[in-house]
Amino acid sequence: MSIHSQQSPSFGHQLREIRRRWVGKQLVLALSVGCTEAAVCFWEQNRRLPTSETLQRLEQFLTGAGVPAGELSTLKAAHCAAMLQRRAPGPSTLLEAAAHAL
């Protein structure tokens, strides 16, 4: 089985799982990082991505909420991969390899 046959969970999926386990409601997360509940909803649906500044606030809040560093690293890697995918037209073997290496 190739390592390319399994996709890592999306940023939105990972954020939703972390939020449900460690934070609770979308509104709590939104107020804690200074955004709207709709923004959190869009992130979790992979319709939008948080800016790097918002991602830093998100990381700080989630660290304070007790989320393990490994989960935060995976979330940041998924954000980075999603940003690269949105900038690059179509899938890239190099991008897939980098995402799986993280």
PDB file of N, CA and C in Angstrom:
ATOM      1  N   MET A   1       0.846  -1.186   0.000  1.00  0.00           N
ATOM      2  CA  MET A   1       0.000   0.000   0.000  1.00  0.00           C
ATOM      3  C   MET A   1       0.886   1.243   0.000  1.00  0.00           C
ATOM      4  N   SER A   2       0.587   2.150  -0.873  1.00  0.00           N
ATOM      5  CA  SER A   2       1.348   3.390  -0.995  1.00  0.00           C
ATOM      6  C   SER A   2       0.959   4.378   0.090  1.00  0.00           C
ATOM      7  N   ILE A   3       1.938   5.178   0.532  1.00  0.00           N
ATOM      8  CA  ILE A   3       1.617   6.200   1.532  1.00  0.00           C
ATOM      9  C   ILE A   3       0.716   7.270   0.937  1.00  0.00           C
ATOM     10  N   HIS A   4       0.666   7.346  -0.395  1.00  0.00           N
ATOM     11  CA  HIS A   4      -0.160   8.357  -1.046  1.00  0.00           C
ATOM     12  C   HIS A   4      -1.624   7.952  -1.111  1.00  0.00           C
ATOM     13  N   SER A   5      -1.937   6.686  -0.781  1.00  0.00           N
ATOM     14  CA  SER A   5      -3.315   6.237  -0.892  1.00  0.00           C
ATOM     15  C   SER A   5      -4.172   6.700   0.282  1.00  0.00           C
ATOM     16  N   GLN A   6      -3.546   7.120   1.354  1.00  0.00           N
ATOM     17  CA  GLN A   6      -4.298   7.603   2.504  1.00  0.00           C
ATOM     18  C   GLN A   6      -4.116   9.108   2.620  1.00  0.00           C
ATOM     19  N   GLN A   7      -5.229   9.820   2.674  1.00  0.00           N
ATOM     20  CA  GLN A   7      -5.147  11.267   2.833  1.00  0.00           C
ATOM     21  C   GLN A   7      -5.246  11.617   4.301  1.00  0.00           C
ATOM     22  N   SER A   8      -4.501  12.628   4.696  1.00  0.00           N
ATOM     23  CA  SER A   8      -4.602  13.136   6.058  1.00  0.00           C
ATOM     24  C   SER A   8      -5.920  13.878   6.188  1.00  0.00           C
ATOM     25  N   PRO A   9      -6.497  13.862   7.396  1.00  0.00           N
ATOM     26  CA  PRO A   9      -7.736  14.629   7.589  1.00  0.00           C
ATOM     27  C   PRO A   9      -7.505  16.105   7.276  1.00  0.00           C
ATOM     28  N   SER A  10      -8.523  16.741   6.745  1.00  0.00           N
ATOM     29  CA  SER A  10      -8.430  18.150   6.377  1.00  0.00           C
ATOM     30  C   SER A  10      -8.277  19.029   7.610  1.00  0.00           C
ATOM     31  N   PHE A  11      -7.872  20.262   7.371  1.00  0.00           N
ATOM     32  CA  PHE A  11      -7.765  21.232   8.455  1.00  0.00           C
ATOM     33  C   PHE A  11      -9.102  21.357   9.175  1.00  0.00           C
ATOM     34  N   GLY A  12     -10.177  21.514   8.394  1.00  0.00           N
ATOM     35  CA  GLY A  12     -11.499  21.691   8.989  1.00  0.00           C
ATOM     36  C   GLY A  12     -11.922  20.518   9.850  1.00  0.00           C
ATOM     37  N   HIS A  13     -11.678  19.311   9.358  1.00  0.00           N
ATOM     38  CA  HIS A  13     -12.038  18.111  10.128  1.00  0.00           C
ATOM     39  C   HIS A  13     -11.245  18.059  11.433  1.00  0.00           C
ATOM     40  N   GLN A  14      -9.955  18.323  11.351  1.00  0.00           N
ATOM     41  CA  GLN A  14      -9.121  18.288  12.556  1.00  0.00           C
ATOM     42  C   GLN A  14      -9.547  19.357  13.554  1.00  0.00           C
ATOM     43  N   LEU A  15      -9.823  20.561  13.057  1.00  0.00           N
ATOM     44  CA  LEU A  15     -10.251  21.636  13.947  1.00  0.00           C
ATOM     45  C   LEU A  15     -11.560  21.269  14.641  1.00  0.00           C
ATOM     46  N   ARG A  16     -12.513  20.716  13.889  1.00  0.00           N
ATOM     47  CA  ARG A  16     -13.799  20.334  14.466  1.00  0.00           C
ATOM     48  C   ARG A  16     -13.607  19.300  15.580  1.00  0.00           C
ATOM     49  N   GLU A  17     -12.778  18.302  15.323  1.00  0.00           N
ATOM     50  CA  GLU A  17     -12.549  17.261  16.334  1.00  0.00           C
ATOM     51  C   GLU A  17     -11.882  17.833  17.583  1.00  0.00           C
ATOM     52  N   ILE A  18     -10.892  18.687  17.393  1.00  0.00           N
ATOM     53  CA  ILE A  18     -10.213  19.314  18.537  1.00  0.00           C
ATOM     54  C   ILE A  18     -11.196  20.184  19.311  1.00  0.00           C
ATOM     55  N   ARG A  19     -11.964  20.986  18.588  1.00  0.00           N
ATOM     56  CA  ARG A  19     -12.927  21.859  19.266  1.00  0.00           C
ATOM     57  C   ARG A  19     -13.935  21.050  20.070  1.00  0.00           C
ATOM     58  N   ARG A  20     -14.464  20.001  19.485  1.00  0.00           N
ATOM     59  CA  ARG A  20     -15.466  19.190  20.190  1.00  0.00           C
ATOM     60  C   ARG A  20     -14.894  18.555  21.449  1.00  0.00           C
ATOM     61  N   ARG A  21     -13.652  18.090  21.371  1.00  0.00           N
ATOM     62  CA  ARG A  21     -13.038  17.431  22.537  1.00  0.00           C
ATOM     63  C   ARG A  21     -12.592  18.400  23.610  1.00  0.00           C
ATOM     64  N   TRP A  22     -12.050  19.543  23.209  1.00  0.00           N
ATOM     65  CA  TRP A  22     -11.367  20.413  24.168  1.00  0.00           C
ATOM     66  C   TRP A  22     -12.078  21.729  24.472  1.00  0.00           C
ATOM     67  N   VAL A  23     -12.963  22.178  23.590  1.00  0.00           N
ATOM     68  CA  VAL A  23     -13.542  23.514  23.755  1.00  0.00           C
ATOM     69  C   VAL A  23     -15.054  23.469  23.931  1.00  0.00           C
ATOM     70  N   GLY A  24     -15.727  22.736  23.086  1.00  0.00           N
ATOM     71  CA  GLY A  24     -17.186  22.712  23.121  1.00  0.00           C
ATOM     72  C   GLY A  24     -17.765  23.451  21.934  1.00  0.00           C
ATOM     73  N   LYS A  25     -18.499  24.487  22.196  1.00  0.00           N
ATOM     74  CA  LYS A  25     -19.253  25.201  21.156  1.00  0.00           C
ATOM     75  C   LYS A  25     -18.365  26.074  20.262  1.00  0.00           C
ATOM     76  N   GLN A  26     -18.814  26.216  19.021  1.00  0.00           N
ATOM     77  CA  GLN A  26     -18.112  27.082  18.073  1.00  0.00           C
ATOM     78  C   GLN A  26     -18.043  28.514  18.584  1.00  0.00           C
ATOM     79  N   LEU A  27     -19.090  28.960  19.243  1.00  0.00           N
ATOM     80  CA  LEU A  27     -19.129  30.334  19.746  1.00  0.00           C
ATOM     81  C   LEU A  27     -18.023  30.585  20.768  1.00  0.00           C
ATOM     82  N   VAL A  28     -17.765  29.614  21.623  1.00  0.00           N
ATOM     83  CA  VAL A  28     -16.699  29.755  22.628  1.00  0.00           C
ATOM     84  C   VAL A  28     -15.355  29.921  21.931  1.00  0.00           C
ATOM     85  N   LEU A  29     -15.101  29.091  20.936  1.00  0.00           N
ATOM     86  CA  LEU A  29     -13.845  29.190  20.189  1.00  0.00           C
ATOM     87  C   LEU A  29     -13.757  30.538  19.472  1.00  0.00           C
ATOM     88  N   ALA A  30     -14.836  30.946  18.835  1.00  0.00           N
ATOM     89  CA  ALA A  30     -14.848  32.214  18.097  1.00  0.00           C
ATOM     90  C   ALA A  30     -14.536  33.395  19.011  1.00  0.00           C
ATOM     91  N   LEU A  31     -15.221  33.468  20.135  1.00  0.00           N
ATOM     92  CA  LEU A  31     -14.991  34.581  21.060  1.00  0.00           C
ATOM     93  C   LEU A  31     -13.572  34.558  21.618  1.00  0.00           C
ATOM     94  N   SER A  32     -13.026  33.380  21.797  1.00  0.00           N
ATOM     95  CA  SER A  32     -11.690  33.241  22.382  1.00  0.00           C
ATOM     96  C   SER A  32     -10.574  33.653  21.437  1.00  0.00           C
ATOM     97  N   VAL A  33     -10.817  33.550  20.131  1.00  0.00           N
ATOM     98  CA  VAL A  33      -9.767  33.923  19.171  1.00  0.00           C
ATOM     99  C   VAL A  33     -10.092  35.208  18.422  1.00  0.00           C
ATOM    100  N   GLY A  34     -11.219  35.829  18.746  1.00  0.00           N
ATOM    101  CA  GLY A  34     -11.550  37.121  18.151  1.00  0.00           C
ATOM    102  C   GLY A  34     -12.107  37.061  16.749  1.00  0.00           C
ATOM    103  N   CYS A  35     -12.976  36.092  16.497  1.00  0.00           N
ATOM    104  CA  CYS A  35     -13.616  36.012  15.188  1.00  0.00           C
ATOM    105  C   CYS A  35     -15.099  35.713  15.390  1.00  0.00           C
ATOM    106  N   THR A  36     -15.809  35.512  14.302  1.00  0.00           N
ATOM    107  CA  THR A  36     -17.233  35.208  14.402  1.00  0.00           C
ATOM    108  C   THR A  36     -17.451  33.698  14.445  1.00  0.00           C
ATOM    109  N   GLU A  37     -18.618  33.327  14.939  1.00  0.00           N
ATOM    110  CA  GLU A  37     -18.996  31.912  14.938  1.00  0.00           C
ATOM    111  C   GLU A  37     -19.088  31.398  13.500  1.00  0.00           C
ATOM    112  N   ALA A  38     -19.542  32.257  12.589  1.00  0.00           N
ATOM    113  CA  ALA A  38     -19.626  31.879  11.174  1.00  0.00           C
ATOM    114  C   ALA A  38     -18.245  31.557  10.608  1.00  0.00           C
ATOM    115  N   ALA A  39     -17.226  32.305  11.022  1.00  0.00           N
ATOM    116  CA  ALA A  39     -15.862  32.034  10.550  1.00  0.00           C
ATOM    117  C   ALA A  39     -15.423  30.640  10.979  1.00  0.00           C
ATOM    118  N   VAL A  40     -15.669  30.293  12.237  1.00  0.00           N
ATOM    119  CA  VAL A  40     -15.304  28.959  12.734  1.00  0.00           C
ATOM    120  C   VAL A  40     -16.050  27.894  11.930  1.00  0.00           C
ATOM    121  N   CYS A  41     -17.319  28.128  11.665  1.00  0.00           N
ATOM    122  CA  CYS A  41     -18.123  27.194  10.874  1.00  0.00           C
ATOM    123  C   CYS A  41     -17.521  27.020   9.476  1.00  0.00           C
ATOM    124  N   PHE A  42     -17.151  28.119   8.835  1.00  0.00           N
ATOM    125  CA  PHE A  42     -16.543  28.046   7.499  1.00  0.00           C
ATOM    126  C   PHE A  42     -15.221  27.283   7.528  1.00  0.00           C
ATOM    127  N   TRP A  43     -14.409  27.501   8.567  1.00  0.00           N
ATOM    128  CA  TRP A  43     -13.139  26.771   8.687  1.00  0.00           C
ATOM    129  C   TRP A  43     -13.402  25.281   8.789  1.00  0.00           C
ATOM    130  N   GLU A  44     -14.355  24.915   9.643  1.00  0.00           N
ATOM    131  CA  GLU A  44     -14.638  23.496   9.867  1.00  0.00           C
ATOM    132  C   GLU A  44     -15.221  22.827   8.628  1.00  0.00           C
ATOM    133  N   GLN A  45     -15.866  23.591   7.776  1.00  0.00           N
ATOM    134  CA  GLN A  45     -16.422  23.062   6.529  1.00  0.00           C
ATOM    135  C   GLN A  45     -15.423  23.149   5.373  1.00  0.00           C
ATOM    136  N   ASN A  46     -14.208  23.596   5.662  1.00  0.00           N
ATOM    137  CA  ASN A  46     -13.162  23.776   4.644  1.00  0.00           C
ATOM    138  C   ASN A  46     -13.576  24.755   3.548  1.00  0.00           C
ATOM    139  N   ARG A  47     -14.429  25.699   3.897  1.00  0.00           N
ATOM    140  CA  ARG A  47     -14.832  26.728   2.936  1.00  0.00           C
ATOM    141  C   ARG A  47     -13.876  27.905   2.970  1.00  0.00           C
ATOM    142  N   ARG A  48     -13.252  28.119   4.101  1.00  0.00           N
ATOM    143  CA  ARG A  48     -12.265  29.191   4.279  1.00  0.00           C
ATOM    144  C   ARG A  48     -11.183  28.691   5.218  1.00  0.00           C
ATOM    145  N   LEU A  49     -10.089  29.452   5.265  1.00  0.00           N
ATOM    146  CA  LEU A  49      -9.000  29.155   6.198  1.00  0.00           C
ATOM    147  C   LEU A  49      -8.723  30.387   7.044  1.00  0.00           C
ATOM    148  N   PRO A  50      -8.343  30.179   8.299  1.00  0.00           N
ATOM    149  CA  PRO A  50      -7.965  31.338   9.111  1.00  0.00           C
ATOM    150  C   PRO A  50      -6.659  31.938   8.598  1.00  0.00           C
ATOM    151  N   THR A  51      -6.496  33.230   8.816  1.00  0.00           N
ATOM    152  CA  THR A  51      -5.235  33.888   8.469  1.00  0.00           C
ATOM    153  C   THR A  51      -4.140  33.366   9.395  1.00  0.00           C
ATOM    154  N   SER A  52      -2.890  33.646   9.056  1.00  0.00           N
ATOM    155  CA  SER A  52      -1.799  33.200   9.935  1.00  0.00           C
ATOM    156  C   SER A  52      -1.891  33.836  11.310  1.00  0.00           C
ATOM    157  N   GLU A  53      -2.336  35.093  11.361  1.00  0.00           N
ATOM    158  CA  GLU A  53      -2.479  35.759  12.665  1.00  0.00           C
ATOM    159  C   GLU A  53      -3.565  35.076  13.508  1.00  0.00           C
ATOM    160  N   THR A  54      -4.684  34.755  12.868  1.00  0.00           N
ATOM    161  CA  THR A  54      -5.761  34.074  13.584  1.00  0.00           C
ATOM    162  C   THR A  54      -5.327  32.670  13.981  1.00  0.00           C
ATOM    163  N   LEU A  55      -4.558  32.016  13.123  1.00  0.00           N
ATOM    164  CA  LEU A  55      -4.054  30.681  13.456  1.00  0.00           C
ATOM    165  C   LEU A  55      -3.170  30.745  14.701  1.00  0.00           C
ATOM    166  N   GLN A  56      -2.363  31.801  14.835  1.00  0.00           N
ATOM    167  CA  GLN A  56      -1.532  31.961  16.034  1.00  0.00           C
ATOM    168  C   GLN A  56      -2.395  32.133  17.279  1.00  0.00           C
ATOM    169  N   ARG A  57      -3.454  32.942  17.177  1.00  0.00           N
ATOM    170  CA  ARG A  57      -4.364  33.114  18.321  1.00  0.00           C
ATOM    171  C   ARG A  57      -5.069  31.801  18.646  1.00  0.00           C
ATOM    172  N   LEU A  58      -5.433  31.075  17.614  1.00  0.00           N
ATOM    173  CA  LEU A  58      -6.076  29.775  17.782  1.00  0.00           C
ATOM    174  C   LEU A  58      -5.144  28.817  18.513  1.00  0.00           C
ATOM    175  N   GLU A  59      -3.885  28.790  18.083  1.00  0.00           N
ATOM    176  CA  GLU A  59      -2.898  27.923  18.729  1.00  0.00           C
ATOM    177  C   GLU A  59      -2.700  28.306  20.198  1.00  0.00           C
ATOM    178  N   GLN A  60      -2.610  29.590  20.482  1.00  0.00           N
ATOM    179  CA  GLN A  60      -2.440  30.038  21.873  1.00  0.00           C
ATOM    180  C   GLN A  60      -3.630  29.628  22.729  1.00  0.00           C
ATOM    181  N   PHE A  61      -4.838  29.835  22.216  1.00  0.00           N
ATOM    182  CA  PHE A  61      -6.029  29.471  22.980  1.00  0.00           C
ATOM    183  C   PHE A  61      -6.094  27.966  23.202  1.00  0.00           C
ATOM    184  N   LEU A  62      -5.858  27.185  22.147  1.00  0.00           N
ATOM    185  CA  LEU A  62      -5.953  25.729  22.267  1.00  0.00           C
ATOM    186  C   LEU A  62      -4.870  25.170  23.186  1.00  0.00           C
ATOM    187  N   THR A  63      -3.695  25.786  23.182  1.00  0.00           N
ATOM    188  CA  THR A  63      -2.642  25.379  24.117  1.00  0.00           C
ATOM    189  C   THR A  63      -3.120  25.593  25.545  1.00  0.00           C
ATOM    190  N   GLY A  64      -3.707  26.752  25.808  1.00  0.00           N
ATOM    191  CA  GLY A  64      -4.243  27.046  27.131  1.00  0.00           C
ATOM    192  C   GLY A  64      -5.379  26.126  27.521  1.00  0.00           C
ATOM    193  N   ALA A  65      -6.110  25.615  26.526  1.00  0.00           N
ATOM    194  CA  ALA A  65      -7.229  24.705  26.788  1.00  0.00           C
ATOM    195  C   ALA A  65      -6.747  23.282  27.050  1.00  0.00           C
ATOM    196  N   GLY A  66      -5.436  23.049  26.875  1.00  0.00           N
ATOM    197  CA  GLY A  66      -4.879  21.732  27.171  1.00  0.00           C
ATOM    198  C   GLY A  66      -4.689  20.811  25.991  1.00  0.00           C
ATOM    199  N   VAL A  67      -4.859  21.316  24.777  1.00  0.00           N
ATOM    200  CA  VAL A  67      -4.675  20.474  23.594  1.00  0.00           C
ATOM    201  C   VAL A  67      -3.199  20.090  23.492  1.00  0.00           C
ATOM    202  N   PRO A  68      -2.898  18.795  23.336  1.00  0.00           N
ATOM    203  CA  PRO A  68      -1.502  18.356  23.241  1.00  0.00           C
ATOM    204  C   PRO A  68      -0.769  18.980  22.049  1.00  0.00           C
ATOM    205  N   ALA A  69       0.509  19.215  22.235  1.00  0.00           N
ATOM    206  CA  ALA A  69       1.343  19.842  21.202  1.00  0.00           C
ATOM    207  C   ALA A  69       1.309  19.063  19.890  1.00  0.00           C
ATOM    208  N   GLY A  70       1.266  17.746  19.967  1.00  0.00           N
ATOM    209  CA  GLY A  70       1.223  16.929  18.752  1.00  0.00           C
ATOM    210  C   GLY A  70      -0.013  17.189  17.912  1.00  0.00           C
ATOM    211  N   GLU A  71      -1.151  17.359  18.574  1.00  0.00           N
ATOM    212  CA  GLU A  71      -2.388  17.652  17.846  1.00  0.00           C
ATOM    213  C   GLU A  71      -2.324  19.033  17.205  1.00  0.00           C
ATOM    214  N   LEU A  72      -1.719  19.983  17.922  1.00  0.00           N
ATOM    215  CA  LEU A  72      -1.581  21.334  17.368  1.00  0.00           C
ATOM    216  C   LEU A  72      -0.641  21.341  16.165  1.00  0.00           C
ATOM    217  N   SER A  73       0.428  20.560  16.233  1.00  0.00           N
ATOM    218  CA  SER A  73       1.363  20.474  15.102  1.00  0.00           C
ATOM    219  C   SER A  73       0.673  19.895  13.878  1.00  0.00           C
ATOM    220  N   THR A  74      -0.142  18.872  14.091  1.00  0.00           N
ATOM    221  CA  THR A  74      -0.879  18.263  12.987  1.00  0.00           C
ATOM    222  C   THR A  74      -1.872  19.252  12.391  1.00  0.00           C
ATOM    223  N   LEU A  75      -2.525  20.021  13.250  1.00  0.00           N
ATOM    224  CA  LEU A  75      -3.475  21.033  12.786  1.00  0.00           C
ATOM    225  C   LEU A  75      -2.764  22.103  11.955  1.00  0.00           C
ATOM    226  N   LYS A  76      -1.606  22.571  12.428  1.00  0.00           N
ATOM    227  CA  LYS A  76      -0.847  23.587  11.691  1.00  0.00           C
ATOM    228  C   LYS A  76      -0.346  23.042  10.355  1.00  0.00           C
ATOM    229  N   ALA A  77       0.070  21.781  10.335  1.00  0.00           N
ATOM    230  CA  ALA A  77       0.524  21.172   9.083  1.00  0.00           C
ATOM    231  C   ALA A  77      -0.629  21.072   8.086  1.00  0.00           C
ATOM    232  N   ALA A  78      -1.816  20.735   8.573  1.00  0.00           N
ATOM    233  CA  ALA A  78      -2.991  20.660   7.697  1.00  0.00           C
ATOM    234  C   ALA A  78      -3.345  22.045   7.156  1.00  0.00           C
ATOM    235  N   HIS A  79      -3.190  23.071   7.980  1.00  0.00           N
ATOM    236  CA  HIS A  79      -3.448  24.450   7.538  1.00  0.00           C
ATOM    237  C   HIS A  79      -2.459  24.829   6.438  1.00  0.00           C
ATOM    238  N   CYS A  80      -1.200  24.508   6.649  1.00  0.00           N
ATOM    239  CA  CYS A  80      -0.156  24.814   5.663  1.00  0.00           C
ATOM    240  C   CYS A  80      -0.439  24.090   4.343  1.00  0.00           C
ATOM    241  N   ALA A  81      -0.785  22.813   4.420  1.00  0.00           N
ATOM    242  CA  ALA A  81      -1.083  22.038   3.215  1.00  0.00           C
ATOM    243  C   ALA A  81      -2.291  22.616   2.484  1.00  0.00           C
ATOM    244  N   ALA A  82      -3.306  23.022   3.235  1.00  0.00           N
ATOM    245  CA  ALA A  82      -4.503  23.602   2.617  1.00  0.00           C
ATOM    246  C   ALA A  82      -4.174  24.930   1.938  1.00  0.00           C
ATOM    247  N   MET A  83      -3.330  25.736   2.573  1.00  0.00           N
ATOM    248  CA  MET A  83      -2.932  27.012   1.968  1.00  0.00           C
ATOM    249  C   MET A  83      -2.183  26.766   0.657  1.00  0.00           C
ATOM    250  N   LEU A  84      -1.283  25.802   0.659  1.00  0.00           N
ATOM    251  CA  LEU A  84      -0.523  25.492  -0.553  1.00  0.00           C
ATOM    252  C   LEU A  84      -1.430  24.958  -1.651  1.00  0.00           C
ATOM    253  N   GLN A  85      -2.377  24.108  -1.290  1.00  0.00           N
ATOM    254  CA  GLN A  85      -3.296  23.553  -2.286  1.00  0.00           C
ATOM    255  C   GLN A  85      -4.140  24.643  -2.920  1.00  0.00           C
ATOM    256  N   ARG A  86      -4.539  25.608  -2.137  1.00  0.00           N
ATOM    257  CA  ARG A  86      -5.384  26.676  -2.677  1.00  0.00           C
ATOM    258  C   ARG A  86      -4.596  27.599  -3.595  1.00  0.00           C
ATOM    259  N   ARG A  87      -3.297  27.653  -3.407  1.00  0.00           N
ATOM    260  CA  ARG A  87      -2.462  28.515  -4.255  1.00  0.00           C
ATOM    261  C   ARG A  87      -1.994  27.797  -5.510  1.00  0.00           C
ATOM    262  N   ALA A  88      -1.908  26.472  -5.456  1.00  0.00           N
ATOM    263  CA  ALA A  88      -1.405  25.693  -6.588  1.00  0.00           C
ATOM    264  C   ALA A  88      -2.583  25.130  -7.384  1.00  0.00           C
ATOM    265  N   PRO A  89      -2.555  25.257  -8.705  1.00  0.00           N
ATOM    266  CA  PRO A  89      -3.637  24.691  -9.510  1.00  0.00           C
ATOM    267  C   PRO A  89      -3.482  23.179  -9.630  1.00  0.00           C
ATOM    268  N   GLY A  90      -4.376  22.433  -9.069  1.00  0.00           N
ATOM    269  CA  GLY A  90      -4.364  20.977  -9.162  1.00  0.00           C
ATOM    270  C   GLY A  90      -3.419  20.331  -8.176  1.00  0.00           C
ATOM    271  N   PRO A  91      -3.577  19.013  -7.991  1.00  0.00           N
ATOM    272  CA  PRO A  91      -2.731  18.298  -7.033  1.00  0.00           C
ATOM    273  C   PRO A  91      -1.290  18.208  -7.522  1.00  0.00           C
ATOM    274  N   SER A  92      -0.401  18.144  -6.572  1.00  0.00           N
ATOM    275  CA  SER A  92       1.020  18.063  -6.877  1.00  0.00           C
ATOM    276  C   SER A  92       1.621  16.896  -6.115  1.00  0.00           C
ATOM    277  N   THR A  93       2.424  16.102  -6.775  1.00  0.00           N
ATOM    278  CA  THR A  93       3.067  14.978  -6.114  1.00  0.00           C
ATOM    279  C   THR A  93       3.948  15.460  -4.980  1.00  0.00           C
ATOM    280  N   LEU A  94       4.657  16.549  -5.203  1.00  0.00           N
ATOM    281  CA  LEU A  94       5.520  17.099  -4.161  1.00  0.00           C
ATOM    282  C   LEU A  94       4.695  17.543  -2.960  1.00  0.00           C
ATOM    283  N   LEU A  95       3.572  18.193  -3.197  1.00  0.00           N
ATOM    284  CA  LEU A  95       2.701  18.644  -2.112  1.00  0.00           C
ATOM    285  C   LEU A  95       2.161  17.454  -1.332  1.00  0.00           C
ATOM    286  N   GLU A  96       1.728  16.417  -2.027  1.00  0.00           N
ATOM    287  CA  GLU A  96       1.217  15.225  -1.351  1.00  0.00           C
ATOM    288  C   GLU A  96       2.311  14.580  -0.510  1.00  0.00           C
ATOM    289  N   ALA A  97       3.502  14.488  -1.048  1.00  0.00           N
ATOM    290  CA  ALA A  97       4.612  13.890  -0.306  1.00  0.00           C
ATOM    291  C   ALA A  97       4.933  14.706   0.938  1.00  0.00           C
ATOM    292  N   ALA A  98       4.933  16.028   0.813  1.00  0.00           N
ATOM    293  CA  ALA A  98       5.218  16.888   1.967  1.00  0.00           C
ATOM    294  C   ALA A  98       4.132  16.763   3.022  1.00  0.00           C
ATOM    295  N   ALA A  99       2.878  16.708   2.607  1.00  0.00           N
ATOM    296  CA  ALA A  99       1.770  16.597   3.563  1.00  0.00           C
ATOM    297  C   ALA A  99       1.842  15.278   4.312  1.00  0.00           C
ATOM    298  N   HIS A 100       2.192  14.206   3.627  1.00  0.00           N
ATOM    299  CA  HIS A 100       2.268  12.898   4.282  1.00  0.00           C
ATOM    300  C   HIS A 100       3.508  12.766   5.158  1.00  0.00           C
ATOM    301  N   ALA A 101       4.540  13.518   4.840  1.00  0.00           N
ATOM    302  CA  ALA A 101       5.767  13.457   5.641  1.00  0.00           C
ATOM    303  C   ALA A 101       5.573  14.099   7.000  1.00  0.00           C
ATOM    304  N   LEU A 102       4.634  15.027   7.106  1.00  0.00           N
ATOM    305  CA  LEU A 102       4.376  15.707   8.375  1.00  0.00           C
ATOM    306  C   LEU A 102       3.600  14.792   9.222  1.00  0.00           C
TER     307      LEU A 102
END
